[in-house]
Amino acid sequence: MRCSWQCNLKAVVAIFVLTQVSRAAEEAPFHIQAHRGAGLAMPENTLESSEGAWAHGITPEADLRVTKDSQIVCFHDNDFKRVPKNADKATKKLGVEQVTLAELKKLDVGSFRGDQYAGERIPTLESVLAQMHGKPERLLYLDIKNVNLDRLAELVHQYGVERQCIFTSTHYKLLQDWKSRIAESPTLLWNGGTQEELTKKMDELRKSDFRGITYLQIHVHIGDLASDEPFEPKSDFLKSLGAELKSRGIVFQVLPWECSDQRAYEQLLALGAASFATDYPEVTLAAVQHFREKQGGK
């Protein structure tokens, strides 16, 4: 059984040391996104997982959908087949958009990560933003699944978290639409696919000079780390893109897909990764700490 953030002393110590190393080097703490809220350590997209991530210097991600009665909530999947253990056969076929908030609140989305999380519920985005108000250190990735941007902007303005919400999408036009509503909001453009597909997409982004992008994320698939080329897309592509983004003032974020091997994160740091999205925040923290210690010892 995985240990929760609350009981993981190793993670606490790692973050403390990492923060001190960062301050000593006069640089901001390394930015880590917890995929779907808290990675695999806690249930996805719950208020409790967001609180756990924030408590340890990690930025949670919230996947946004709208209920039948127009409430923006945090839930990743198109339907309820995978996550809510108490959903009956008929409910499992449904999705957020087909139920009301009251119906949604009956679903237990914690138990699938362990009995210790039983009873955790799908939160409204408003309840999450309320926990960010007046706490500028708390950031949140807003991953757009299905949501009205005008209503989303209203909520962000209502809680005064314009600079704390990182608007996230794979669609560049959607990022531009959002920036027209909240110009000061940071953004993340995430990108998956083959190296050939990614090359074409980067060429298209260069035409607009990557305008409006704060973070650019690349999904990286990990092979044999002892081989000459363990990554797809390949190392040369990642290194070149990382250097280009740095010169443009854009944060190069990497998502090592389904990878819990600390060595992969350290190798990606050597190639220029400046941020990570991850299902394994503890592993990522340890990799960043170890990499920086080695760099400082040179």
C-alpha atoms as a PDB file:
ATOM      1  CA  MET A   1       0.000   0.000   0.000  1.00  0.00           C
ATOM      2  CA  ARG A   2       1.285   3.439  -0.863  1.00  0.00           C
ATOM      3  CA  CYS A   3       1.900   5.804   2.015  1.00  0.00           C
ATOM      4  CA  SER A   4      -0.064   9.047   1.968  1.00  0.00           C
ATOM      5  CA  TRP A   5       1.537  12.485   1.817  1.00  0.00           C
ATOM      6  CA  GLN A   6       0.568  13.040   5.441  1.00  0.00           C
ATOM      7  CA  CYS A   7       2.578  10.084   6.726  1.00  0.00           C
ATOM      8  CA  ASN A   8       5.519  10.280   4.337  1.00  0.00           C
ATOM      9  CA  LEU A   9       8.352  11.835   6.319  1.00  0.00           C
ATOM     10  CA  LYS A  10      10.777  11.160   3.494  1.00  0.00           C
ATOM     11  CA  ALA A  11       8.828  13.488   1.184  1.00  0.00           C
ATOM     12  CA  VAL A  12       8.717  16.203   3.828  1.00  0.00           C
ATOM     13  CA  VAL A  13      12.471  16.043   4.365  1.00  0.00           C
ATOM     14  CA  ALA A  14      13.154  15.984   0.635  1.00  0.00           C
ATOM     15  CA  ILE A  15      11.093  19.110   0.033  1.00  0.00           C
ATOM     16  CA  PHE A  16      12.723  20.932   2.942  1.00  0.00           C
ATOM     17  CA  VAL A  17      16.205  20.132   1.679  1.00  0.00           C
ATOM     18  CA  LEU A  18      15.239  20.975  -1.893  1.00  0.00           C
ATOM     19  CA  THR A  19      13.897  24.368  -0.801  1.00  0.00           C
ATOM     20  CA  GLN A  20      17.083  25.158   1.094  1.00  0.00           C
ATOM     21  CA  VAL A  21      19.257  24.164  -1.864  1.00  0.00           C
ATOM     22  CA  SER A  22      17.137  26.355  -4.137  1.00  0.00           C
ATOM     23  CA  ARG A  23      17.405  29.348  -1.843  1.00  0.00           C
ATOM     24  CA  ALA A  24      21.133  28.914  -1.502  1.00  0.00           C
ATOM     25  CA  ALA A  25      21.425  29.000  -5.267  1.00  0.00           C
ATOM     26  CA  GLU A  26      19.112  32.035  -5.404  1.00  0.00           C
ATOM     27  CA  GLU A  27      16.653  30.286  -7.672  1.00  0.00           C
ATOM     28  CA  ALA A  28      12.985  29.416  -7.326  1.00  0.00           C
ATOM     29  CA  PRO A  29      12.039  25.980  -5.981  1.00  0.00           C
ATOM     30  CA  PHE A  30      11.818  23.435  -8.785  1.00  0.00           C
ATOM     31  CA  HIS A  31       8.242  23.321 -10.049  1.00  0.00           C
ATOM     32  CA  ILE A  32       6.522  19.916  -9.949  1.00  0.00           C
ATOM     33  CA  GLN A  33       3.001  19.179 -11.122  1.00  0.00           C
ATOM     34  CA  ALA A  34       1.175  16.281  -9.473  1.00  0.00           C
ATOM     35  CA  HIS A  35      -0.713  14.575 -12.295  1.00  0.00           C
ATOM     36  CA  ARG A  36      -4.470  14.446 -11.603  1.00  0.00           C
ATOM     37  CA  GLY A  37      -4.046  15.979  -8.165  1.00  0.00           C
ATOM     38  CA  ALA A  38      -1.430  14.036  -6.204  1.00  0.00           C
ATOM     39  CA  GLY A  39      -0.097  11.448  -8.609  1.00  0.00           C
ATOM     40  CA  LEU A  40      -0.698   7.857  -7.539  1.00  0.00           C
ATOM     41  CA  ALA A  41      -0.133   8.501  -3.840  1.00  0.00           C
ATOM     42  CA  MET A  42      -3.694   9.703  -3.179  1.00  0.00           C
ATOM     43  CA  PRO A  43      -7.105   9.697  -4.908  1.00  0.00           C
ATOM     44  CA  GLU A  44      -7.457  11.715  -8.094  1.00  0.00           C
ATOM     45  CA  ASN A  45      -8.938  15.201  -8.215  1.00  0.00           C
ATOM     46  CA  THR A  46     -10.139  15.415  -4.619  1.00  0.00           C
ATOM     47  CA  LEU A  47      -9.901  18.412  -2.325  1.00  0.00           C
ATOM     48  CA  GLU A  48      -7.874  16.274   0.083  1.00  0.00           C
ATOM     49  CA  SER A  49      -5.302  15.413  -2.589  1.00  0.00           C
ATOM     50  CA  SER A  50      -4.923  19.073  -3.518  1.00  0.00           C
ATOM     51  CA  GLU A  51      -4.403  20.002   0.130  1.00  0.00           C
ATOM     52  CA  GLY A  52      -1.808  17.241   0.442  1.00  0.00           C
ATOM     53  CA  ALA A  53       0.088  18.434  -2.615  1.00  0.00           C
ATOM     54  CA  TRP A  54       0.079  22.074  -1.502  1.00  0.00           C
ATOM     55  CA  ALA A  55       1.292  21.118   1.954  1.00  0.00           C
ATOM     56  CA  HIS A  56       4.420  19.689   0.370  1.00  0.00           C
ATOM     57  CA  GLY A  57       5.221  22.350  -2.192  1.00  0.00           C
ATOM     58  CA  ILE A  58       3.697  20.488  -5.148  1.00  0.00           C
ATOM     59  CA  THR A  59       1.191  21.949  -7.624  1.00  0.00           C
ATOM     60  CA  PRO A  60      -1.900  19.762  -8.097  1.00  0.00           C
ATOM     61  CA  GLU A  61      -3.787  19.368 -11.352  1.00  0.00           C
ATOM     62  CA  ALA A  62      -7.578  19.574 -11.578  1.00  0.00           C
ATOM     63  CA  ASP A  63      -9.392  18.066 -14.569  1.00  0.00           C
ATOM     64  CA  LEU A  64     -12.476  20.176 -15.227  1.00  0.00           C
ATOM     65  CA  ARG A  65     -15.928  19.064 -16.331  1.00  0.00           C
ATOM     66  CA  VAL A  66     -19.448  20.481 -15.997  1.00  0.00           C
ATOM     67  CA  THR A  67     -22.393  18.692 -14.403  1.00  0.00           C
ATOM     68  CA  LYS A  68     -25.896  18.464 -15.804  1.00  0.00           C
ATOM     69  CA  ASP A  69     -26.846  21.435 -13.594  1.00  0.00           C
ATOM     70  CA  SER A  70     -23.890  23.550 -14.787  1.00  0.00           C
ATOM     71  CA  GLN A  71     -21.486  23.098 -11.867  1.00  0.00           C
ATOM     72  CA  ILE A  72     -17.757  22.940 -12.662  1.00  0.00           C
ATOM     73  CA  VAL A  73     -16.215  19.952 -10.889  1.00  0.00           C
ATOM     74  CA  CYS A  74     -12.889  18.121 -10.828  1.00  0.00           C
ATOM     75  CA  PHE A  75     -12.962  14.692 -12.486  1.00  0.00           C
ATOM     76  CA  HIS A  76     -10.772  13.174 -15.197  1.00  0.00           C
ATOM     77  CA  ASP A  77     -12.611  10.349 -16.952  1.00  0.00           C
ATOM     78  CA  ASN A  78     -15.420  10.443 -19.504  1.00  0.00           C
ATOM     79  CA  ASP A  79     -17.442   8.015 -17.374  1.00  0.00           C
ATOM     80  CA  PHE A  80     -17.569   6.427 -13.927  1.00  0.00           C
ATOM     81  CA  LYS A  81     -16.303   2.940 -14.830  1.00  0.00           C
ATOM     82  CA  ARG A  82     -12.852   3.238 -13.264  1.00  0.00           C
ATOM     83  CA  VAL A  83     -12.896   5.442 -10.175  1.00  0.00           C
ATOM     84  CA  PRO A  84     -16.079   5.389  -8.018  1.00  0.00           C
ATOM     85  CA  LYS A  85     -16.200   2.003  -6.311  1.00  0.00           C
ATOM     86  CA  ASN A  86     -19.781   2.499  -5.111  1.00  0.00           C
ATOM     87  CA  ALA A  87     -21.222   3.298  -8.545  1.00  0.00           C
ATOM     88  CA  ASP A  88     -23.828   0.791  -9.722  1.00  0.00           C
ATOM     89  CA  LYS A  89     -23.797  -0.779 -13.176  1.00  0.00           C
ATOM     90  CA  ALA A  90     -26.051   1.875 -14.711  1.00  0.00           C
ATOM     91  CA  THR A  91     -24.126   4.781 -13.175  1.00  0.00           C
ATOM     92  CA  LYS A  92     -20.790   3.454 -14.416  1.00  0.00           C
ATOM     93  CA  LYS A  93     -21.992   4.061 -17.972  1.00  0.00           C
ATOM     94  CA  LEU A  94     -22.667   7.733 -17.260  1.00  0.00           C
ATOM     95  CA  GLY A  95     -20.358  10.729 -17.132  1.00  0.00           C
ATOM     96  CA  VAL A  96     -20.216  13.989 -15.202  1.00  0.00           C
ATOM     97  CA  GLU A  97     -22.213  15.818 -17.861  1.00  0.00           C
ATOM     98  CA  GLN A  98     -25.167  13.434 -17.399  1.00  0.00           C
ATOM     99  CA  VAL A  99     -25.659  13.819 -13.640  1.00  0.00           C
ATOM    100  CA  THR A 100     -26.429  16.644 -11.214  1.00  0.00           C
ATOM    101  CA  LEU A 101     -24.030  17.807  -8.540  1.00  0.00           C
ATOM    102  CA  ALA A 102     -26.216  16.218  -5.860  1.00  0.00           C
ATOM    103  CA  GLU A 103     -26.024  12.871  -7.656  1.00  0.00           C
ATOM    104  CA  LEU A 104     -22.284  13.278  -8.151  1.00  0.00           C
ATOM    105  CA  LYS A 105     -21.732  13.892  -4.435  1.00  0.00           C
ATOM    106  CA  LYS A 106     -22.975  10.367  -3.669  1.00  0.00           C
ATOM    107  CA  LEU A 107     -19.987   8.795  -5.442  1.00  0.00           C
ATOM    108  CA  ASP A 108     -17.009   7.617  -3.399  1.00  0.00           C
ATOM    109  CA  VAL A 109     -13.872   8.492  -5.380  1.00  0.00           C
ATOM    110  CA  GLY A 110     -11.397   7.751  -2.595  1.00  0.00           C
ATOM    111  CA  SER A 111     -11.719   4.023  -1.978  1.00  0.00           C
ATOM    112  CA  PHE A 112     -10.130   2.987  -5.265  1.00  0.00           C
ATOM    113  CA  ARG A 113      -6.793   4.197  -3.828  1.00  0.00           C
ATOM    114  CA  GLY A 114      -7.346   2.365  -0.547  1.00  0.00           C
ATOM    115  CA  ASP A 115      -9.811   2.006   2.300  1.00  0.00           C
ATOM    116  CA  GLN A 116      -8.073   4.812   4.215  1.00  0.00           C
ATOM    117  CA  TYR A 117      -9.475   7.240   1.621  1.00  0.00           C
ATOM    118  CA  ALA A 118     -13.055   5.946   1.716  1.00  0.00           C
ATOM    119  CA  GLY A 119     -15.653   8.685   1.528  1.00  0.00           C
ATOM    120  CA  GLU A 120     -13.697  11.282  -0.432  1.00  0.00           C
ATOM    121  CA  ARG A 121     -15.939  13.050  -2.943  1.00  0.00           C
ATOM    122  CA  ILE A 122     -15.646  14.826  -6.265  1.00  0.00           C
ATOM    123  CA  PRO A 123     -15.164  18.508  -5.396  1.00  0.00           C
ATOM    124  CA  THR A 124     -16.531  21.545  -7.128  1.00  0.00           C
ATOM    125  CA  LEU A 125     -13.832  23.757  -8.573  1.00  0.00           C
ATOM    126  CA  GLU A 126     -15.223  26.553  -6.425  1.00  0.00           C
ATOM    127  CA  SER A 127     -14.409  24.617  -3.238  1.00  0.00           C
ATOM    128  CA  VAL A 128     -10.818  24.188  -4.439  1.00  0.00           C
ATOM    129  CA  LEU A 129     -10.406  27.842  -5.411  1.00  0.00           C
ATOM    130  CA  ALA A 130     -11.754  28.870  -2.013  1.00  0.00           C
ATOM    131  CA  GLN A 131      -8.778  27.087  -0.426  1.00  0.00           C
ATOM    132  CA  MET A 132      -6.422  29.112  -2.632  1.00  0.00           C
ATOM    133  CA  HIS A 133      -7.869  32.550  -1.886  1.00  0.00           C
ATOM    134  CA  GLY A 134      -5.384  34.678   0.016  1.00  0.00           C
ATOM    135  CA  LYS A 135      -2.674  32.026  -0.285  1.00  0.00           C
ATOM    136  CA  PRO A 136      -0.605  33.056  -3.323  1.00  0.00           C
ATOM    137  CA  GLU A 137       1.824  30.175  -2.854  1.00  0.00           C
ATOM    138  CA  ARG A 138      -0.944  27.729  -3.797  1.00  0.00           C
ATOM    139  CA  LEU A 139      -1.032  27.116  -7.536  1.00  0.00           C
ATOM    140  CA  LEU A 140      -3.395  24.894  -9.516  1.00  0.00           C
ATOM    141  CA  TYR A 141      -3.284  23.462 -13.033  1.00  0.00           C
ATOM    142  CA  LEU A 142      -6.694  23.707 -14.719  1.00  0.00           C
ATOM    143  CA  ASP A 143      -6.819  20.897 -17.298  1.00  0.00           C
ATOM    144  CA  ILE A 144      -9.737  21.622 -19.581  1.00  0.00           C
ATOM    145  CA  LYS A 145     -11.871  18.590 -20.415  1.00  0.00           C
ATOM    146  CA  ASN A 146     -15.291  20.168 -20.937  1.00  0.00           C
ATOM    147  CA  VAL A 147     -16.019  23.582 -19.442  1.00  0.00           C
ATOM    148  CA  ASN A 148     -17.399  27.011 -20.371  1.00  0.00           C
ATOM    149  CA  LEU A 149     -14.478  29.453 -20.361  1.00  0.00           C
ATOM    150  CA  ASP A 150     -16.614  32.462 -19.435  1.00  0.00           C
ATOM    151  CA  ARG A 151     -17.959  30.729 -16.324  1.00  0.00           C
ATOM    152  CA  LEU A 152     -14.481  29.487 -15.467  1.00  0.00           C
ATOM    153  CA  ALA A 153     -13.077  33.012 -15.745  1.00  0.00           C
ATOM    154  CA  GLU A 154     -15.856  34.310 -13.473  1.00  0.00           C
ATOM    155  CA  LEU A 155     -14.866  31.857 -10.737  1.00  0.00           C
ATOM    156  CA  VAL A 156     -11.168  32.634 -11.073  1.00  0.00           C
ATOM    157  CA  HIS A 157     -11.912  36.362 -10.768  1.00  0.00           C
ATOM    158  CA  GLN A 158     -14.331  35.778  -7.893  1.00  0.00           C
ATOM    159  CA  TYR A 159     -11.619  34.180  -5.747  1.00  0.00           C
ATOM    160  CA  GLY A 160      -8.822  36.474  -6.905  1.00  0.00           C
ATOM    161  CA  VAL A 161      -6.589  33.644  -8.097  1.00  0.00           C
ATOM    162  CA  GLU A 162      -5.856  34.872 -11.610  1.00  0.00           C
ATOM    163  CA  ARG A 163      -2.090  34.418 -11.237  1.00  0.00           C
ATOM    164  CA  GLN A 164      -2.414  31.121  -9.350  1.00  0.00           C
ATOM    165  CA  CYS A 165      -4.409  29.159 -11.932  1.00  0.00           C
ATOM    166  CA  ILE A 166      -2.334  27.636 -14.731  1.00  0.00           C
ATOM    167  CA  PHE A 167      -4.648  27.140 -17.699  1.00  0.00           C
ATOM    168  CA  THR A 168      -3.793  23.808 -19.297  1.00  0.00           C
ATOM    169  CA  SER A 169      -4.688  22.334 -22.664  1.00  0.00           C
ATOM    170  CA  THR A 170      -3.253  20.565 -25.688  1.00  0.00           C
ATOM    171  CA  HIS A 171      -5.043  23.075 -27.930  1.00  0.00           C
ATOM    172  CA  TYR A 172      -3.074  26.255 -28.540  1.00  0.00           C
ATOM    173  CA  LYS A 173      -6.116  28.220 -29.697  1.00  0.00           C
ATOM    174  CA  LEU A 174      -7.850  27.442 -26.401  1.00  0.00           C
ATOM    175  CA  LEU A 175      -4.896  28.939 -24.507  1.00  0.00           C
ATOM    176  CA  GLN A 176      -5.147  32.075 -26.608  1.00  0.00           C
ATOM    177  CA  ASP A 177      -8.904  32.277 -25.930  1.00  0.00           C
ATOM    178  CA  TRP A 178      -8.214  32.053 -22.207  1.00  0.00           C
ATOM    179  CA  LYS A 179      -5.496  34.727 -22.313  1.00  0.00           C
ATOM    180  CA  SER A 180      -8.008  37.075 -23.945  1.00  0.00           C
ATOM    181  CA  ARG A 181     -10.123  36.673 -20.795  1.00  0.00           C
ATOM    182  CA  ILE A 182      -7.387  36.652 -18.119  1.00  0.00           C
ATOM    183  CA  ALA A 183      -4.175  38.025 -19.574  1.00  0.00           C
ATOM    184  CA  GLU A 184      -2.169  37.567 -16.362  1.00  0.00           C
ATOM    185  CA  SER A 185      -2.971  33.873 -16.062  1.00  0.00           C
ATOM    186  CA  PRO A 186      -0.037  31.499 -16.643  1.00  0.00           C
ATOM    187  CA  THR A 187      -0.627  28.731 -19.176  1.00  0.00           C
ATOM    188  CA  LEU A 188       0.627  25.259 -20.009  1.00  0.00           C
ATOM    189  CA  LEU A 189       0.472  23.649 -23.447  1.00  0.00           C
ATOM    190  CA  TRP A 190       0.877  19.888 -23.196  1.00  0.00           C
ATOM    191  CA  ASN A 191       2.003  17.772 -26.126  1.00  0.00           C
ATOM    192  CA  GLY A 192       2.065  14.039 -26.772  1.00  0.00           C
ATOM    193  CA  GLY A 193       2.812  12.011 -29.869  1.00  0.00           C
ATOM    194  CA  THR A 194       5.742  10.816 -31.907  1.00  0.00           C
ATOM    195  CA  GLN A 195       8.851  12.896 -32.446  1.00  0.00           C
ATOM    196  CA  GLU A 196       7.728  13.575 -36.008  1.00  0.00           C
ATOM    197  CA  GLU A 197       4.336  14.818 -34.796  1.00  0.00           C
ATOM    198  CA  LEU A 198       5.939  16.941 -32.095  1.00  0.00           C
ATOM    199  CA  THR A 199       8.397  18.449 -34.577  1.00  0.00           C
ATOM    200  CA  LYS A 200       5.508  19.578 -36.778  1.00  0.00           C
ATOM    201  CA  LYS A 201       3.649  21.045 -33.825  1.00  0.00           C
ATOM    202  CA  MET A 202       6.703  22.972 -32.619  1.00  0.00           C
ATOM    203  CA  ASP A 203       7.189  24.340 -36.136  1.00  0.00           C
ATOM    204  CA  GLU A 204       3.611  25.635 -36.053  1.00  0.00           C
ATOM    205  CA  LEU A 205       4.150  27.238 -32.650  1.00  0.00           C
ATOM    206  CA  ARG A 206       7.276  29.012 -33.896  1.00  0.00           C
ATOM    207  CA  LYS A 207       5.120  30.813 -36.444  1.00  0.00           C
ATOM    208  CA  SER A 208       3.383  32.564 -33.555  1.00  0.00           C
ATOM    209  CA  ASP A 209       6.621  32.868 -31.561  1.00  0.00           C
ATOM    210  CA  PHE A 210       5.101  30.611 -28.836  1.00  0.00           C
ATOM    211  CA  ARG A 211       3.056  33.641 -27.781  1.00  0.00           C
ATOM    212  CA  GLY A 212       1.130  33.288 -24.516  1.00  0.00           C
ATOM    213  CA  ILE A 213       2.749  30.020 -23.362  1.00  0.00           C
ATOM    214  CA  THR A 214       4.244  29.922 -19.854  1.00  0.00           C
ATOM    215  CA  TYR A 215       4.960  26.192 -19.596  1.00  0.00           C
ATOM    216  CA  LEU A 216       5.379  23.787 -22.502  1.00  0.00           C
ATOM    217  CA  GLN A 217       5.028  20.115 -21.610  1.00  0.00           C
ATOM    218  CA  ILE A 218       6.286  17.148 -23.607  1.00  0.00           C
ATOM    219  CA  HIS A 219       5.220  13.562 -22.883  1.00  0.00           C
ATOM    220  CA  VAL A 220       8.294  11.338 -22.832  1.00  0.00           C
ATOM    221  CA  HIS A 221       8.144   7.541 -23.006  1.00  0.00           C
ATOM    222  CA  ILE A 222      10.944   5.736 -21.185  1.00  0.00           C
ATOM    223  CA  GLY A 223      12.791   2.730 -22.561  1.00  0.00           C
ATOM    224  CA  ASP A 224      15.972   1.023 -21.359  1.00  0.00           C
ATOM    225  CA  LEU A 225      17.818   3.629 -19.313  1.00  0.00           C
ATOM    226  CA  ALA A 226      21.108   1.787 -19.846  1.00  0.00           C
ATOM    227  CA  SER A 227      20.781   2.022 -23.632  1.00  0.00           C
ATOM    228  CA  ASP A 228      22.275   4.693 -25.885  1.00  0.00           C
ATOM    229  CA  GLU A 229      18.817   6.187 -26.443  1.00  0.00           C
ATOM    230  CA  PRO A 230      16.264   5.599 -23.648  1.00  0.00           C
ATOM    231  CA  PHE A 231      13.738   8.275 -24.605  1.00  0.00           C
ATOM    232  CA  GLU A 232      10.997   8.859 -27.158  1.00  0.00           C
ATOM    233  CA  PRO A 233      11.128  11.579 -28.376  1.00  0.00           C
ATOM    234  CA  LYS A 234      14.882  11.267 -28.531  1.00  0.00           C
ATOM    235  CA  SER A 235      17.443  12.967 -26.332  1.00  0.00           C
ATOM    236  CA  ASP A 236      18.739  15.352 -29.009  1.00  0.00           C
ATOM    237  CA  PHE A 237      15.215  16.583 -29.690  1.00  0.00           C
ATOM    238  CA  LEU A 238      14.560  17.160 -25.982  1.00  0.00           C
ATOM    239  CA  LYS A 239      17.867  18.914 -25.390  1.00  0.00           C
ATOM    240  CA  SER A 240      17.437  21.224 -28.378  1.00  0.00           C
ATOM    241  CA  LEU A 241      13.836  22.086 -27.496  1.00  0.00           C
ATOM    242  CA  GLY A 242      14.733  22.692 -23.861  1.00  0.00           C
ATOM    243  CA  ALA A 243      17.488  25.146 -24.839  1.00  0.00           C
ATOM    244  CA  GLU A 244      15.174  26.950 -27.250  1.00  0.00           C
ATOM    245  CA  LEU A 245      12.394  27.299 -24.699  1.00  0.00           C
ATOM    246  CA  LYS A 246      14.826  28.566 -22.074  1.00  0.00           C
ATOM    247  CA  SER A 247      16.010  31.261 -24.482  1.00  0.00           C
ATOM    248  CA  ARG A 248      12.370  32.279 -24.967  1.00  0.00           C
ATOM    249  CA  GLY A 249      11.643  32.417 -21.237  1.00  0.00           C
ATOM    250  CA  ILE A 250       9.279  29.427 -21.408  1.00  0.00           C
ATOM    251  CA  VAL A 251       9.474  26.669 -18.788  1.00  0.00           C
ATOM    252  CA  PHE A 252      10.263  23.279 -20.360  1.00  0.00           C
ATOM    253  CA  GLN A 253       8.143  20.726 -18.512  1.00  0.00           C
ATOM    254  CA  VAL A 254       8.482  16.983 -19.074  1.00  0.00           C
ATOM    255  CA  LEU A 255       6.001  14.235 -18.194  1.00  0.00           C
ATOM    256  CA  PRO A 256       7.916  10.916 -17.987  1.00  0.00           C
ATOM    257  CA  TRP A 257       4.977   8.720 -18.857  1.00  0.00           C
ATOM    258  CA  GLU A 258       4.167   6.085 -16.182  1.00  0.00           C
ATOM    259  CA  CYS A 259       7.765   6.195 -14.936  1.00  0.00           C
ATOM    260  CA  SER A 260       8.821   5.700 -11.307  1.00  0.00           C
ATOM    261  CA  ASP A 261      12.550   5.298 -11.967  1.00  0.00           C
ATOM    262  CA  GLN A 262      14.531   8.139 -10.405  1.00  0.00           C
ATOM    263  CA  ARG A 263      17.316   7.699 -12.966  1.00  0.00           C
ATOM    264  CA  ALA A 264      15.007   8.765 -15.804  1.00  0.00           C
ATOM    265  CA  TYR A 265      14.204  12.060 -14.105  1.00  0.00           C
ATOM    266  CA  GLU A 266      17.882  12.766 -13.494  1.00  0.00           C
ATOM    267  CA  GLN A 267      18.769  12.038 -17.110  1.00  0.00           C
ATOM    268  CA  LEU A 268      15.982  14.347 -18.269  1.00  0.00           C
ATOM    269  CA  LEU A 269      17.265  17.076 -15.953  1.00  0.00           C
ATOM    270  CA  ALA A 270      20.655  16.735 -17.615  1.00  0.00           C
ATOM    271  CA  LEU A 271      18.941  17.289 -20.976  1.00  0.00           C
ATOM    272  CA  GLY A 272      17.404  20.552 -19.788  1.00  0.00           C
ATOM    273  CA  ALA A 273      14.069  19.661 -18.198  1.00  0.00           C
ATOM    274  CA  ALA A 274      13.113  22.666 -16.055  1.00  0.00           C
ATOM    275  CA  SER A 275       9.918  21.238 -14.539  1.00  0.00           C
ATOM    276  CA  PHE A 276       8.147  17.888 -14.268  1.00  0.00           C
ATOM    277  CA  ALA A 277       4.602  16.605 -14.325  1.00  0.00           C
ATOM    278  CA  THR A 278       4.504  13.243 -12.611  1.00  0.00           C
ATOM    279  CA  ASP A 279       2.503  10.430 -11.072  1.00  0.00           C
ATOM    280  CA  TYR A 280       5.363   9.962  -8.596  1.00  0.00           C
ATOM    281  CA  PRO A 281       6.072  13.271  -6.799  1.00  0.00           C
ATOM    282  CA  GLU A 282       8.283  11.639  -4.154  1.00  0.00           C
ATOM    283  CA  VAL A 283      10.522  10.048  -6.758  1.00  0.00           C
ATOM    284  CA  THR A 284      10.677  13.322  -8.658  1.00  0.00           C
ATOM    285  CA  LEU A 285      11.638  15.320  -5.575  1.00  0.00           C
ATOM    286  CA  ALA A 286      14.400  12.869  -4.743  1.00  0.00           C
ATOM    287  CA  ALA A 287      15.714  13.037  -8.322  1.00  0.00           C
ATOM    288  CA  VAL A 288      15.810  16.835  -8.353  1.00  0.00           C
ATOM    289  CA  GLN A 289      17.515  16.946  -4.964  1.00  0.00           C
ATOM    290  CA  HIS A 290      20.144  14.376  -5.959  1.00  0.00           C
ATOM    291  CA  PHE A 291      20.786  16.023  -9.331  1.00  0.00           C
ATOM    292  CA  ARG A 292      21.277  19.448  -7.770  1.00  0.00           C
ATOM    293  CA  GLU A 293      23.576  18.052  -5.111  1.00  0.00           C
ATOM    294  CA  LYS A 294      25.744  16.502  -7.840  1.00  0.00           C
ATOM    295  CA  GLN A 295      25.730  19.741  -9.804  1.00  0.00           C
ATOM    296  CA  GLY A 296      26.728  21.694  -6.718  1.00  0.00           C
ATOM    297  CA  GLY A 297      29.584  19.307  -6.079  1.00  0.00           C
ATOM    298  CA  LYS A 298      31.216  19.949  -9.435  1.00  0.00           C
END
